[in-house]
Amino acid sequence: MSAIFYRYATFCAFRNSFPNTADATFRYNKETLTARRQRWSRRLRQQDYESVISEVLDEELPKYANSSIIDPTDRISHMHECALILASAPLVFAAAVDGTLAARLSRDGDLQNEYATIQARAHVQPSIYIHLLTDDNGLAPTPNQYLLIRDVLLDYLAQDQASTHAWHLDNITHPPTSQAASAQGHRKYLHTNNRSATRVHTLRRFCDGVQARVSTTSMSLWDIPFQFPPGECGYSIKSHDRLARHRARHSSNYVMNLVEDICTYLHRTGQFQQHFRMQQYIIYLIFRPFQAAIAEIFCSGLLQVYVENGGGFNAYRAGLSVATARRVSMDEWDAHEAWVRRQSPVDENMRSQQRRAEQWTRETATTRVGKRLE
C-alpha cells in the first residue's frame, strides 16, 4: 500500500505544480454554501478526491500560517492523509457529506449495520464525531426558522434593553439562573466570571453567518429545510465519552448548546412544530498517528461547519485539541490500520486513485506534445 500512496502523493505534487485557471477566491466568494457542498458531494461520488481535497485545503491551510498544529507548507503530506481519509471512509461519512445522514440512518438497514460497527470500534479507536441540528425525522431547520433562531439569540445578547427570552433560555438546561440574576443582565452562555466579550463576539459572528447563509438562498426556498443541516465537528480519542460530556454540557460548545436551547424554547412555546436537537454521530475512525489534526481540519472544512458562513457552530480552528492521539502506542496504531484495511475498501480505492492519476498524466502529456507540434 505504501507504494500506491507514494505514487498518488507524487501525482498530487505534479498536478498542483500547474496554476489553477479558476480564481479560487472569486469562486468561494460567489458560490453558496449549498452549491459548494453539492459540488463536492458529486465529485466524491465520482471518486474525484484530488480536486475536492485541493479546494478544502485551499480554504483551511492558510488558517495555520503561524501555527504549530500542522505545517501548512507540507501540502503533499496533507493531501496524502486526506486521500486516505476519503479512501477508507465508511458509508456513514459519505452520508454526512451528502447531507443525508440524519434522515437515512433511521430507515437504511445497511447504513445502520455499518454505523453499529463504527460505534463499537470507536470505543477503542480515535475518531471524528459530528453534531447535526435536525428534528426527529432528520430534517434541518428552514431558512426562516434559522432566522428566528438568530433573532432570539440577538435578543439574548442585548445589553441596553430587557430581554424577552433570556431567563427562559437560561433555564432550559442545568444549572438554572435566577430571575433576579437574569434581570441584572447575567446570561449563562455569555458569562465566565464576567460577561465575556469574546463569547459575545463569537455569537455575533454566528448571527452574521446565519444571515449570510439565508441571504444567499433563494426566497422560494425559505420554508424548505436546508439540504445540509448546521453542524459541529470534533476529534476525540474516545468519542463516546466526549459526546456524553457534550450532552451533559461539560467542556462543550456554547454556541451549539445555546442554539439547541433556543430550539427547545421555540418548540415549547409553539413557535416551532418540530423539536430540533443536536444529533450525535461518529463518522470516521482515525488509523494513523499523524492523522488526528488533519482529519479534524479536513472534515470540518469539507462539512463547512464554521460559524462565519452559517454552516455550523465551530468558532475556532480545528486541530487544536488532538494531543490525546499521542497517547496511542505504535502497536495500537498498527492494529487500528490493520482493522481499517480489513473493514474498508481503502486499498482498492487508492489503487483507483492511482489509475486516475496515471490517466490524467498521460492525457496531460499528450496535450502538451500536441501543443508543441502546432
Protein backbone atom coordinates (compact mmCIF):
# COMPACT_ATOMS: atom_id res chain seq x y z
CA MET A 1 0.00 0.00 0.00
CA SER A 2 2.87 2.42 0.67
CA ALA A 3 3.95 2.37 -2.99
CA ILE A 4 0.45 3.37 -4.05
CA PHE A 5 0.45 6.18 -1.51
CA TYR A 6 3.81 7.41 -2.75
CA ARG A 7 2.72 7.45 -6.39
CA TYR A 8 -0.52 9.22 -5.52
CA ALA A 9 1.35 11.85 -3.49
CA THR A 10 3.75 12.33 -6.40
CA PHE A 11 0.81 12.84 -8.74
CA CYS A 12 -0.69 15.45 -6.39
CA ALA A 13 2.61 17.29 -6.31
CA PHE A 14 2.84 17.21 -10.11
CA ARG A 15 -0.74 18.32 -10.67
CA ASN A 16 -0.54 21.09 -8.11
CA SER A 17 2.56 22.47 -9.82
CA PHE A 18 0.27 23.77 -12.57
CA PRO A 19 -1.54 27.05 -11.92
CA ASN A 20 -5.25 26.74 -11.31
CA THR A 21 -7.02 28.59 -14.06
CA ALA A 22 -10.05 29.18 -11.86
CA ASP A 23 -9.95 32.08 -9.48
CA ALA A 24 -10.48 30.23 -6.19
CA THR A 25 -11.15 33.38 -4.20
CA PHE A 26 -13.79 34.51 -6.67
CA ARG A 27 -15.41 31.07 -6.66
CA TYR A 28 -15.57 30.84 -2.88
CA ASN A 29 -16.93 34.36 -2.52
CA LYS A 30 -19.65 33.84 -5.14
CA GLU A 31 -20.60 30.23 -4.52
CA THR A 32 -23.23 29.50 -1.89
CA LEU A 33 -22.55 27.00 0.87
CA THR A 34 -25.20 24.68 -0.56
CA ALA A 35 -23.80 24.86 -4.09
CA ARG A 36 -20.29 24.18 -2.86
CA ARG A 37 -21.29 21.19 -0.78
CA GLN A 38 -23.42 19.81 -3.62
CA ARG A 39 -20.47 20.12 -5.99
CA TRP A 40 -18.08 18.42 -3.57
CA SER A 41 -20.59 15.66 -2.95
CA ARG A 42 -20.95 14.99 -6.69
CA ARG A 43 -17.19 14.92 -7.19
CA LEU A 44 -16.63 12.50 -4.35
CA ARG A 45 -19.30 10.16 -5.73
CA GLN A 46 -17.26 10.27 -8.96
CA GLN A 47 -14.12 9.35 -6.96
CA ASP A 48 -12.58 12.75 -7.72
CA TYR A 49 -10.63 13.05 -4.47
CA GLU A 50 -7.87 15.37 -5.64
CA SER A 51 -9.93 18.39 -6.67
CA VAL A 52 -12.08 18.28 -3.52
CA ILE A 53 -9.06 17.88 -1.24
CA SER A 54 -7.30 20.76 -3.01
CA GLU A 55 -10.26 23.10 -2.59
CA VAL A 56 -10.76 22.25 1.08
CA LEU A 57 -7.06 22.70 1.83
CA ASP A 58 -7.03 25.97 -0.13
CA GLU A 59 -9.55 27.24 2.42
CA GLU A 60 -8.19 25.63 5.55
CA LEU A 61 -4.38 25.65 5.39
CA PRO A 62 -3.97 29.46 5.41
CA LYS A 63 -5.54 29.46 8.88
CA TYR A 64 -2.41 27.70 10.18
CA ALA A 65 0.25 30.03 8.74
CA ASN A 66 1.62 30.87 12.20
CA SER A 67 0.63 27.69 13.97
CA SER A 68 2.48 24.71 15.39
CA ILE A 69 -0.53 22.43 14.90
CA ILE A 70 0.41 21.49 11.34
CA ASP A 71 2.87 22.72 8.75
CA PRO A 72 0.69 24.40 6.09
CA THR A 73 3.55 24.27 3.58
CA ASP A 74 3.66 20.45 3.67
CA ARG A 75 0.73 20.24 1.30
CA ILE A 76 1.66 16.91 -0.26
CA SER A 77 1.63 15.09 3.08
CA HIS A 78 -1.71 16.65 3.95
CA MET A 79 -3.20 15.66 0.59
CA HIS A 80 -1.88 12.15 1.15
CA GLU A 81 -3.62 11.87 4.53
CA CYS A 82 -6.85 13.38 3.18
CA ALA A 83 -6.85 10.87 0.32
CA LEU A 84 -6.53 8.08 2.90
CA ILE A 85 -9.44 9.57 4.83
CA LEU A 86 -11.67 9.55 1.75
CA ALA A 87 -10.45 6.13 0.57
CA SER A 88 -11.15 4.50 3.94
CA ALA A 89 -14.28 6.47 4.81
CA PRO A 90 -17.40 4.46 5.66
CA LEU A 91 -20.86 4.95 4.14
CA VAL A 92 -21.71 6.97 7.25
CA PHE A 93 -19.07 9.53 6.27
CA ALA A 94 -20.40 9.72 2.71
CA ALA A 95 -23.94 10.26 4.01
CA ALA A 96 -22.68 13.12 6.20
CA VAL A 97 -21.03 14.71 3.16
CA ASP A 98 -24.25 14.30 1.16
CA GLY A 99 -26.30 15.87 3.96
CA THR A 100 -28.49 12.77 4.29
CA LEU A 101 -27.06 11.02 7.35
CA ALA A 102 -29.66 12.13 9.89
CA ALA A 103 -32.59 11.31 7.61
CA ARG A 104 -31.26 7.98 6.31
CA LEU A 105 -29.93 6.40 9.47
CA SER A 106 -33.39 5.66 10.87
CA ARG A 107 -34.54 3.77 7.74
CA ASP A 108 -31.47 2.45 5.90
CA GLY A 109 -30.57 -1.01 7.19
CA ASP A 110 -27.15 -1.15 5.53
CA LEU A 111 -26.23 2.22 6.99
CA GLN A 112 -27.46 1.14 10.42
CA ASN A 113 -25.38 -2.04 10.33
CA GLU A 114 -22.25 -0.19 9.31
CA TYR A 115 -22.85 2.51 11.90
CA ALA A 116 -23.16 -0.12 14.63
CA THR A 117 -19.72 -1.42 13.59
CA ILE A 118 -18.22 2.09 13.62
CA GLN A 119 -19.73 2.83 17.03
CA ALA A 120 -18.40 -0.39 18.52
CA ARG A 121 -14.90 0.22 17.18
CA ALA A 122 -14.88 3.83 18.41
CA HIS A 123 -14.68 2.55 21.99
CA VAL A 124 -11.04 1.63 21.32
CA GLN A 125 -10.02 3.77 18.33
CA PRO A 126 -9.69 7.58 17.99
CA SER A 127 -12.37 9.07 15.79
CA ILE A 128 -14.13 12.09 14.32
CA TYR A 129 -17.63 12.89 15.52
CA ILE A 130 -20.23 15.43 14.44
CA HIS A 131 -23.38 17.08 15.72
CA LEU A 132 -26.19 17.87 13.27
CA LEU A 133 -29.12 20.16 14.09
CA THR A 134 -32.21 18.27 12.92
CA ASP A 135 -35.63 17.17 14.08
CA ASP A 136 -36.53 13.57 14.88
CA ASN A 137 -37.04 12.85 11.17
CA GLY A 138 -33.58 14.09 10.25
CA LEU A 139 -34.81 17.36 8.74
CA ALA A 140 -32.83 20.56 9.24
CA PRO A 141 -34.41 23.93 10.05
CA THR A 142 -35.71 26.02 7.18
CA PRO A 143 -34.04 29.36 6.40
CA ASN A 144 -36.97 31.17 8.04
CA GLN A 145 -36.61 29.04 11.16
CA TYR A 146 -32.88 29.71 11.21
CA LEU A 147 -33.59 33.44 11.06
CA LEU A 148 -35.94 33.11 14.04
CA ILE A 149 -33.18 31.30 15.96
CA ARG A 150 -30.89 34.19 15.05
CA ASP A 151 -33.44 36.78 16.23
CA VAL A 152 -33.88 35.09 19.62
CA LEU A 153 -30.11 34.89 20.01
CA LEU A 154 -29.73 38.61 19.24
CA ASP A 155 -32.33 39.35 21.92
CA TYR A 156 -30.28 37.21 24.32
CA LEU A 157 -27.17 39.28 23.53
CA ALA A 158 -28.84 42.66 24.03
CA GLN A 159 -27.45 44.82 26.86
CA ASP A 160 -29.36 48.07 26.53
CA GLN A 161 -32.86 46.60 26.83
CA ALA A 162 -34.69 43.94 28.79
CA SER A 163 -34.54 40.54 27.13
CA THR A 164 -37.81 38.82 26.32
CA HIS A 165 -36.30 35.35 26.24
CA ALA A 166 -33.06 35.25 28.26
CA TRP A 167 -34.35 33.92 31.59
CA HIS A 168 -36.35 31.18 29.86
CA LEU A 169 -33.36 30.17 27.74
CA ASP A 170 -31.01 30.03 30.71
CA ASN A 171 -33.35 27.61 32.48
CA ILE A 172 -33.82 25.10 29.68
CA THR A 173 -30.86 23.08 30.99
CA HIS A 174 -28.86 22.99 34.22
CA PRO A 175 -27.54 24.92 36.01
CA PRO A 176 -30.55 27.23 36.44
CA THR A 177 -30.38 31.03 36.51
CA SER A 178 -32.49 33.07 38.94
CA GLN A 179 -34.88 35.73 37.67
CA ALA A 180 -33.03 38.32 39.75
CA ALA A 181 -29.69 37.47 38.17
CA SER A 182 -31.24 37.47 34.71
CA ALA A 183 -32.85 40.87 35.31
CA GLN A 184 -29.42 42.21 36.29
CA GLY A 185 -28.00 41.08 32.95
CA HIS A 186 -26.49 37.69 33.79
CA ARG A 187 -26.51 35.32 30.83
CA LYS A 188 -25.42 31.73 31.37
CA TYR A 189 -23.86 31.39 27.93
CA LEU A 190 -22.11 34.77 27.99
CA HIS A 191 -20.59 34.78 31.45
CA THR A 192 -17.50 33.09 32.75
CA ASN A 193 -16.54 35.30 35.70
CA ASN A 194 -17.96 38.34 33.92
CA ARG A 195 -19.75 38.94 30.65
CA SER A 196 -17.30 37.63 28.06
CA ALA A 197 -16.60 39.97 25.16
CA THR A 198 -15.13 37.01 23.28
CA ARG A 199 -18.32 34.99 23.60
CA VAL A 200 -20.46 37.95 22.58
CA HIS A 201 -18.28 38.50 19.53
CA THR A 202 -18.37 34.80 18.62
CA LEU A 203 -22.16 34.65 18.88
CA ARG A 204 -22.47 37.78 16.73
CA ARG A 205 -20.25 36.07 14.15
CA PHE A 206 -22.69 33.17 14.24
CA CYS A 207 -25.65 35.52 13.73
CA ASP A 208 -23.89 37.18 10.80
CA GLY A 209 -23.22 33.73 9.35
CA VAL A 210 -26.89 32.79 9.60
CA GLN A 211 -27.82 35.99 7.78
CA ALA A 212 -25.19 35.33 5.11
CA ARG A 213 -26.40 31.78 4.50
CA VAL A 214 -30.05 32.74 4.32
CA SER A 215 -29.47 35.80 2.16
CA THR A 216 -27.73 33.65 -0.48
CA THR A 217 -30.66 31.21 -0.50
CA SER A 218 -33.48 31.82 -2.97
CA MET A 219 -36.53 33.20 -1.15
CA SER A 220 -38.61 30.46 -2.79
CA LEU A 221 -36.70 28.01 -0.56
CA TRP A 222 -37.03 29.84 2.74
CA ASP A 223 -39.73 27.46 4.04
CA ILE A 224 -37.93 24.31 2.87
CA PRO A 225 -35.43 22.60 5.23
CA PHE A 226 -31.78 23.22 4.48
CA GLN A 227 -30.30 20.35 2.48
CA PHE A 228 -27.22 20.41 4.70
CA PRO A 229 -28.02 20.62 8.42
CA PRO A 230 -25.96 23.04 10.52
CA GLY A 231 -23.26 21.06 12.27
CA GLU A 232 -20.27 20.79 14.56
CA CYS A 233 -17.22 18.58 14.11
CA GLY A 234 -14.62 17.33 16.56
CA TYR A 235 -11.95 14.76 17.37
CA SER A 236 -11.67 12.51 20.40
CA ILE A 237 -9.61 9.55 21.48
CA LYS A 238 -12.86 8.21 22.97
CA SER A 239 -15.76 9.79 21.12
CA HIS A 240 -18.47 8.04 23.13
CA ASP A 241 -17.20 9.68 26.32
CA ARG A 242 -16.72 13.03 24.57
CA LEU A 243 -20.24 13.00 23.16
CA ALA A 244 -21.63 12.17 26.60
CA ARG A 245 -19.81 15.20 28.01
CA HIS A 246 -21.24 17.35 25.23
CA ARG A 247 -24.73 16.08 26.03
CA ALA A 248 -24.15 16.91 29.71
CA ARG A 249 -22.79 20.36 28.70
CA HIS A 250 -19.37 19.66 30.22
CA SER A 251 -16.45 21.33 28.38
CA SER A 252 -18.78 21.73 25.46
CA ASN A 253 -19.51 24.22 22.65
CA TYR A 254 -21.52 27.16 23.97
CA VAL A 255 -22.67 28.28 20.51
CA MET A 256 -24.10 24.84 19.77
CA ASN A 257 -25.66 24.49 23.22
CA LEU A 258 -27.32 27.91 23.19
CA VAL A 259 -28.78 27.22 19.74
CA GLU A 260 -30.15 23.88 20.95
CA ASP A 261 -31.73 25.58 23.98
CA ILE A 262 -33.28 28.20 21.69
CA CYS A 263 -34.77 25.41 19.58
CA THR A 264 -36.20 23.73 22.68
CA TYR A 265 -37.67 27.04 23.85
CA LEU A 266 -39.24 27.76 20.45
CA HIS A 267 -40.73 24.26 20.40
CA ARG A 268 -42.13 24.53 23.93
CA THR A 269 -43.71 27.90 23.14
CA GLY A 270 -45.30 26.57 19.95
CA GLN A 271 -43.24 28.65 17.55
CA PHE A 272 -41.59 25.53 16.13
CA GLN A 273 -43.74 22.49 15.45
CA GLN A 274 -40.62 20.33 15.31
CA HIS A 275 -38.12 19.93 18.11
CA PHE A 276 -34.67 20.49 16.65
CA ARG A 277 -31.86 18.88 18.63
CA MET A 278 -28.16 18.25 18.22
CA GLN A 279 -28.00 14.71 16.87
CA GLN A 280 -24.67 12.98 17.56
CA TYR A 281 -22.75 10.73 15.16
CA ILE A 282 -19.31 9.14 14.90
CA ILE A 283 -18.36 9.31 11.23
CA TYR A 284 -14.70 8.38 10.85
CA LEU A 285 -12.12 6.15 12.55
CA ILE A 286 -8.57 7.53 12.62
CA PHE A 287 -5.89 4.93 11.94
CA ARG A 288 -2.58 6.76 11.56
CA PRO A 289 -0.59 8.61 14.26
CA PHE A 290 -0.39 11.94 12.43
CA GLN A 291 -3.92 11.86 11.06
CA ALA A 292 -5.78 13.34 14.03
CA ALA A 293 -5.18 17.04 13.35
CA ILE A 294 -5.57 16.93 9.58
CA ALA A 295 -8.64 14.68 9.89
CA GLU A 296 -10.42 17.20 12.10
CA ILE A 297 -9.29 20.08 9.88
CA PHE A 298 -10.31 18.35 6.65
CA CYS A 299 -13.67 17.07 7.92
CA SER A 300 -14.56 20.47 9.40
CA GLY A 301 -13.76 22.15 6.10
CA LEU A 302 -15.48 19.53 3.97
CA LEU A 303 -18.66 19.74 6.07
CA GLN A 304 -18.46 23.56 6.27
CA VAL A 305 -19.27 23.69 9.99
CA TYR A 306 -17.89 27.13 10.84
CA VAL A 307 -19.95 29.97 12.29
CA GLU A 308 -18.86 32.53 9.68
CA ASN A 309 -20.77 31.01 6.77
CA GLY A 310 -23.84 29.80 8.65
CA GLY A 311 -22.81 26.19 8.19
CA GLY A 312 -22.44 25.33 11.83
CA PHE A 313 -21.16 26.00 15.31
CA ASN A 314 -17.36 25.69 15.17
CA ALA A 315 -15.90 29.06 16.12
CA TYR A 316 -12.24 28.09 16.44
CA ARG A 317 -9.73 26.41 14.18
CA ALA A 318 -9.87 22.64 14.06
CA GLY A 319 -6.96 20.52 15.25
CA LEU A 320 -6.27 22.47 18.44
CA SER A 321 -7.17 19.66 20.84
CA VAL A 322 -5.73 16.45 19.44
CA ALA A 323 -2.89 15.86 21.91
CA THR A 324 -4.50 12.65 23.16
CA ALA A 325 -3.56 10.99 19.86
CA ARG A 326 -0.01 10.87 21.21
CA ARG A 327 -1.14 8.52 23.97
CA VAL A 328 -1.80 5.79 21.41
CA SER A 329 1.14 3.42 21.04
CA MET A 330 2.56 2.42 17.66
CA ASP A 331 1.37 -1.14 18.26
CA GLU A 332 -2.14 0.20 18.76
CA TRP A 333 -1.90 2.33 15.61
CA ASP A 334 -0.76 -0.74 13.67
CA ALA A 335 -3.79 -2.64 14.96
CA HIS A 336 -6.10 0.24 14.02
CA GLU A 337 -4.68 0.37 10.50
CA ALA A 338 -4.98 -3.39 10.09
CA TRP A 339 -8.63 -3.22 11.18
CA VAL A 340 -9.42 -0.40 8.74
CA ARG A 341 -7.74 -2.25 5.89
CA ARG A 342 -9.85 -5.34 6.62
CA GLN A 343 -13.11 -3.44 7.03
CA SER A 344 -12.85 -0.73 4.35
CA PRO A 345 -12.03 -0.55 0.62
CA VAL A 346 -9.02 1.70 1.29
CA ASP A 347 -6.57 -0.36 -0.80
CA GLU A 348 -8.97 -0.69 -3.72
CA ASN A 349 -9.88 3.00 -3.61
CA MET A 350 -6.26 4.11 -3.51
CA ARG A 351 -5.46 1.89 -6.48
CA SER A 352 -8.37 3.53 -8.29
CA GLN A 353 -6.93 6.94 -7.45
CA GLN A 354 -3.57 5.84 -8.81
CA ARG A 355 -5.20 4.77 -12.08
CA ARG A 356 -6.92 8.16 -12.33
CA ALA A 357 -3.58 9.85 -11.68
CA GLU A 358 -1.83 7.84 -14.37
CA GLN A 359 -4.62 8.54 -16.88
CA TRP A 360 -4.50 12.27 -16.12
CA THR A 361 -0.71 12.26 -16.51
CA ARG A 362 -0.94 10.51 -19.90
CA GLU A 363 -3.65 12.89 -21.13
CA THR A 364 -1.68 15.91 -19.96
CA ALA A 365 1.49 14.67 -21.63
CA THR A 366 -0.37 14.07 -24.90
CA THR A 367 -1.89 17.55 -24.78
CA ARG A 368 1.47 19.18 -24.12
CA VAL A 369 3.11 17.28 -27.01
CA GLY A 370 0.27 18.28 -29.32
CA LYS A 371 0.67 21.93 -28.42
CA ARG A 372 4.41 21.80 -29.15
CA LEU A 373 3.69 20.35 -32.60
CA GLU A 374 1.19 23.07 -33.52
